[in-house]
Amino acid sequence: QVQLAESGGGLVQAGGSMRLSCAASGRSSGRYAMGWFRQAPGKELEFVAAISGSGGGTFYADSVKGRFTISRDIIQSTMYLQMNILTPEDTAVYYCAAGTDAWGLVMTQAFYNAWGQGTQVTVSS
């Protein structure tokens, strides 16, 4: 079983940038796709971005495409989410997740079987 721990959240002004990290330990996370989800107050958990087991494939939600970049360092077992041009609508708790395969239905929660505890991102207007 893999354990995940997010870091890097905090408060940023609109238009600013922030980078989240997700450190994985346990099973060999490099074989599995990983993803980011977020949950804003009063809203459902929402897919943000995913990256394949090899790191060669990525997929983004339309709401973040062109602003967010997902990446991973397989050797360091760490995944990143670089967030640029942040808006108040990006305010949420961000969760990283490890998938059950190298790729698949990465936009669905059911694809993932390990989750981090979440990190708060707050964007002020």
Foldseek 3Di string as FASTA:
>chain_A
DKAKAKDWADEAAAQAKTKMKIAIDDPQLLFWKKFKWWDDPPGDIFGAKIAFSPRPDIDGDPVQPPFWDWGDDSVRRMIMIIGGRDDQVPWTWMKMFTAPGRDDPVRDPVRTDYIYPTDTHGYHD
